[in-house]
Amino acid sequence: MSLSLEIVTPEQRALTVTCDEVRLPGLEGGFGVRPGHTPLMAQLAAGELIYLNGETQHRYSVGEGFAEVSDDRVRVLVEEALRAEDLDPQRTAQDLAAQQKALEGIKQDDPAYALARAHVERAAARAFVAGRR
């Protein structure tokens, strides 16, 4: 028995694959999905998504979004999805530092603060995943 995993961003369908398990960065903590999982909808935080085929792990950095689990299908709708192999650790660390510096210059009551914070969270996810390859 296996799972069907689909990752979709606003720009593209980033991945469609059959796998044995999916690990997702839930807003209230990470969780895993295996065949036969109870149907659910979950809000996702920016972080690391892992799917497994046998013993092989495939890693993605994902932005915030949602996951739907039903009938051995996992549909992930996120702001961005990047394969770990495509991320450069040095570049992602530099981007994270730049995003953090930009956030420091914005007051929390400024309407631009929430967007800047989301950029920092996505940059942190990319840097984390790039560092684990």
C-alpha atoms as a PDB file:
ATOM      1  CA  MET A   1       0.000   0.000   0.000  1.00  0.00           C
ATOM      2  CA  SER A   2       1.304   3.501  -0.829  1.00  0.00           C
ATOM      3  CA  LEU A   3       0.432   7.193  -0.762  1.00  0.00           C
ATOM      4  CA  SER A   4      -0.068   9.602  -3.610  1.00  0.00           C
ATOM      5  CA  LEU A   5       1.672  12.921  -2.824  1.00  0.00           C
ATOM      6  CA  GLU A   6       1.027  16.109  -4.756  1.00  0.00           C
ATOM      7  CA  ILE A   7       2.718  19.431  -3.950  1.00  0.00           C
ATOM      8  CA  VAL A   8       1.240  22.523  -5.601  1.00  0.00           C
ATOM      9  CA  THR A   9       2.436  26.146  -5.414  1.00  0.00           C
ATOM     10  CA  PRO A  10       0.742  29.218  -6.899  1.00  0.00           C
ATOM     11  CA  GLU A  11       3.105  28.944  -9.887  1.00  0.00           C
ATOM     12  CA  GLN A  12       3.180  25.221 -10.611  1.00  0.00           C
ATOM     13  CA  ARG A  13       2.617  21.629  -9.646  1.00  0.00           C
ATOM     14  CA  ALA A  14       5.982  21.056  -7.982  1.00  0.00           C
ATOM     15  CA  LEU A  15       5.709  17.310  -7.432  1.00  0.00           C
ATOM     16  CA  THR A  16       3.456  14.342  -8.057  1.00  0.00           C
ATOM     17  CA  VAL A  17       4.801  11.042  -6.719  1.00  0.00           C
ATOM     18  CA  THR A  18       3.860   7.782  -5.072  1.00  0.00           C
ATOM     19  CA  CYS A  19       5.580   7.211  -1.717  1.00  0.00           C
ATOM     20  CA  ASP A  20       5.474   5.242   1.530  1.00  0.00           C
ATOM     21  CA  GLU A  21       5.293   8.113   4.043  1.00  0.00           C
ATOM     22  CA  VAL A  22       5.100  11.918   4.179  1.00  0.00           C
ATOM     23  CA  ARG A  23       6.333  14.112   7.049  1.00  0.00           C
ATOM     24  CA  LEU A  24       4.865  17.601   7.153  1.00  0.00           C
ATOM     25  CA  PRO A  25       5.600  20.812   9.106  1.00  0.00           C
ATOM     26  CA  GLY A  26       2.238  21.432  10.781  1.00  0.00           C
ATOM     27  CA  LEU A  27       1.534  24.839  12.242  1.00  0.00           C
ATOM     28  CA  GLU A  28       1.199  23.250  15.679  1.00  0.00           C
ATOM     29  CA  GLY A  29       4.028  20.741  15.179  1.00  0.00           C
ATOM     30  CA  GLY A  30       5.261  18.262  12.614  1.00  0.00           C
ATOM     31  CA  PHE A  31       3.285  15.144  11.761  1.00  0.00           C
ATOM     32  CA  GLY A  32       3.570  12.101   9.541  1.00  0.00           C
ATOM     33  CA  VAL A  33       1.150  10.410   7.176  1.00  0.00           C
ATOM     34  CA  ARG A  34       1.197   6.755   6.147  1.00  0.00           C
ATOM     35  CA  PRO A  35      -1.274   4.717   4.119  1.00  0.00           C
ATOM     36  CA  GLY A  36      -4.607   4.337   5.888  1.00  0.00           C
ATOM     37  CA  HIS A  37      -4.283   7.681   7.724  1.00  0.00           C
ATOM     38  CA  THR A  38      -7.462   9.289   9.001  1.00  0.00           C
ATOM     39  CA  PRO A  39      -8.708  12.072   6.664  1.00  0.00           C
ATOM     40  CA  LEU A  40      -7.690  15.557   7.796  1.00  0.00           C
ATOM     41  CA  MET A  41      -7.015  19.131   6.795  1.00  0.00           C
ATOM     42  CA  ALA A  42      -4.003  20.820   8.400  1.00  0.00           C
ATOM     43  CA  GLN A  43      -2.440  24.239   8.262  1.00  0.00           C
ATOM     44  CA  LEU A  44       1.275  24.076   7.459  1.00  0.00           C
ATOM     45  CA  ALA A  45       4.114  26.290   8.637  1.00  0.00           C
ATOM     46  CA  ALA A  46       7.168  27.059   6.548  1.00  0.00           C
ATOM     47  CA  GLY A  47       9.568  24.183   7.111  1.00  0.00           C
ATOM     48  CA  GLU A  48      10.842  20.844   5.906  1.00  0.00           C
ATOM     49  CA  LEU A  49       8.668  18.329   4.069  1.00  0.00           C
ATOM     50  CA  ILE A  50      10.094  14.816   3.757  1.00  0.00           C
ATOM     51  CA  TYR A  51       8.695  11.958   1.759  1.00  0.00           C
ATOM     52  CA  LEU A  52      10.039   8.425   1.935  1.00  0.00           C
ATOM     53  CA  ASN A  53      10.294   5.695  -0.665  1.00  0.00           C
ATOM     54  CA  GLY A  54      11.582   2.656   1.178  1.00  0.00           C
ATOM     55  CA  GLU A  55      14.652   3.847   3.075  1.00  0.00           C
ATOM     56  CA  THR A  56      15.267   6.822   0.753  1.00  0.00           C
ATOM     57  CA  GLN A  57      14.319  10.279   2.086  1.00  0.00           C
ATOM     58  CA  HIS A  58      13.501  13.166  -0.252  1.00  0.00           C
ATOM     59  CA  ARG A  59      13.557  16.644   1.315  1.00  0.00           C
ATOM     60  CA  TYR A  60      11.778  19.845   0.333  1.00  0.00           C
ATOM     61  CA  SER A  61      11.668  23.304   1.829  1.00  0.00           C
ATOM     62  CA  VAL A  62       8.059  24.470   1.797  1.00  0.00           C
ATOM     63  CA  GLY A  63       6.344  27.743   2.590  1.00  0.00           C
ATOM     64  CA  GLU A  64       3.200  28.068   4.626  1.00  0.00           C
ATOM     65  CA  GLY A  65      -0.012  26.546   3.335  1.00  0.00           C
ATOM     66  CA  PHE A  66      -2.357  23.604   3.812  1.00  0.00           C
ATOM     67  CA  ALA A  67      -2.372  19.824   3.537  1.00  0.00           C
ATOM     68  CA  GLU A  68      -5.348  17.608   2.790  1.00  0.00           C
ATOM     69  CA  VAL A  69      -5.169  13.895   3.582  1.00  0.00           C
ATOM     70  CA  SER A  70      -7.869  11.578   2.267  1.00  0.00           C
ATOM     71  CA  ASP A  71      -8.033   8.098   0.729  1.00  0.00           C
ATOM     72  CA  ASP A  72      -4.239   7.605   0.752  1.00  0.00           C
ATOM     73  CA  ARG A  73      -3.739  10.929  -1.049  1.00  0.00           C
ATOM     74  CA  VAL A  74      -1.789  13.830   0.402  1.00  0.00           C
ATOM     75  CA  ARG A  75      -2.366  17.144  -1.364  1.00  0.00           C
ATOM     76  CA  VAL A  76      -0.057  19.947  -0.212  1.00  0.00           C
ATOM     77  CA  LEU A  77      -0.837  23.546  -1.217  1.00  0.00           C
ATOM     78  CA  VAL A  78       2.044  25.852  -0.233  1.00  0.00           C
ATOM     79  CA  GLU A  79       3.529  29.224  -1.114  1.00  0.00           C
ATOM     80  CA  GLU A  80       6.781  27.631  -2.322  1.00  0.00           C
ATOM     81  CA  ALA A  81       8.370  24.201  -2.610  1.00  0.00           C
ATOM     82  CA  LEU A  82      12.083  23.739  -3.304  1.00  0.00           C
ATOM     83  CA  ARG A  83      14.047  20.487  -3.476  1.00  0.00           C
ATOM     84  CA  ALA A  84      16.921  20.276  -1.006  1.00  0.00           C
ATOM     85  CA  GLU A  85      19.293  19.412  -3.861  1.00  0.00           C
ATOM     86  CA  ASP A  86      18.503  22.773  -5.484  1.00  0.00           C
ATOM     87  CA  LEU A  87      19.389  24.817  -2.390  1.00  0.00           C
ATOM     88  CA  ASP A  88      22.856  26.220  -1.761  1.00  0.00           C
ATOM     89  CA  PRO A  89      23.652  26.374   1.990  1.00  0.00           C
ATOM     90  CA  GLN A  90      25.769  29.515   1.715  1.00  0.00           C
ATOM     91  CA  ARG A  91      23.261  31.385  -0.435  1.00  0.00           C
ATOM     92  CA  THR A  92      20.310  30.401   1.798  1.00  0.00           C
ATOM     93  CA  ALA A  93      22.193  31.568   4.907  1.00  0.00           C
ATOM     94  CA  GLN A  94      22.924  34.918   3.248  1.00  0.00           C
ATOM     95  CA  ASP A  95      19.294  35.285   2.192  1.00  0.00           C
ATOM     96  CA  LEU A  96      18.104  34.515   5.729  1.00  0.00           C
ATOM     97  CA  ALA A  97      20.435  37.184   7.168  1.00  0.00           C
ATOM     98  CA  ALA A  98      19.182  39.746   4.624  1.00  0.00           C
ATOM     99  CA  GLN A  99      15.524  38.919   5.346  1.00  0.00           C
ATOM    100  CA  GLN A 100      16.114  39.181   9.110  1.00  0.00           C
ATOM    101  CA  LYS A 101      17.808  42.556   8.668  1.00  0.00           C
ATOM    102  CA  ALA A 102      14.887  43.817   6.582  1.00  0.00           C
ATOM    103  CA  LEU A 103      12.418  42.649   9.251  1.00  0.00           C
ATOM    104  CA  GLU A 104      14.334  44.491  11.975  1.00  0.00           C
ATOM    105  CA  GLY A 105      13.614  47.768  10.184  1.00  0.00           C
ATOM    106  CA  ILE A 106       9.828  47.285  10.260  1.00  0.00           C
ATOM    107  CA  LYS A 107       7.635  48.004  13.266  1.00  0.00           C
ATOM    108  CA  GLN A 108       5.206  45.272  14.310  1.00  0.00           C
ATOM    109  CA  ASP A 109       2.180  47.529  13.769  1.00  0.00           C
ATOM    110  CA  ASP A 110       3.247  48.261  10.165  1.00  0.00           C
ATOM    111  CA  PRO A 111       1.075  46.411   7.597  1.00  0.00           C
ATOM    112  CA  ALA A 112       4.283  45.232   5.850  1.00  0.00           C
ATOM    113  CA  TYR A 113       5.482  43.417   8.991  1.00  0.00           C
ATOM    114  CA  ALA A 114       3.449  40.210   8.455  1.00  0.00           C
ATOM    115  CA  LEU A 115       4.725  39.796   4.890  1.00  0.00           C
ATOM    116  CA  ALA A 116       8.328  40.470   5.928  1.00  0.00           C
ATOM    117  CA  ARG A 117       8.009  37.942   8.749  1.00  0.00           C
ATOM    118  CA  ALA A 118       6.674  35.330   6.301  1.00  0.00           C
ATOM    119  CA  HIS A 119       9.722  35.974   4.110  1.00  0.00           C
ATOM    120  CA  VAL A 120      11.992  35.372   7.119  1.00  0.00           C
ATOM    121  CA  GLU A 121      10.190  32.124   7.974  1.00  0.00           C
ATOM    122  CA  ARG A 122      10.519  30.833   4.390  1.00  0.00           C
ATOM    123  CA  ALA A 123      14.191  31.863   4.275  1.00  0.00           C
ATOM    124  CA  ALA A 124      14.782  30.058   7.584  1.00  0.00           C
ATOM    125  CA  ALA A 125      13.130  26.910   6.187  1.00  0.00           C
ATOM    126  CA  ARG A 126      15.318  27.046   3.057  1.00  0.00           C
ATOM    127  CA  ALA A 127      18.470  27.496   5.154  1.00  0.00           C
ATOM    128  CA  PHE A 128      17.508  24.635   7.472  1.00  0.00           C
ATOM    129  CA  VAL A 129      16.792  22.215   4.614  1.00  0.00           C
ATOM    130  CA  ALA A 130      19.917  23.268   2.702  1.00  0.00           C
ATOM    131  CA  GLY A 131      22.023  22.584   5.788  1.00  0.00           C
ATOM    132  CA  ARG A 132      20.652  19.034   6.133  1.00  0.00           C
ATOM    133  CA  ARG A 133      21.369  17.741   2.616  1.00  0.00           C
END
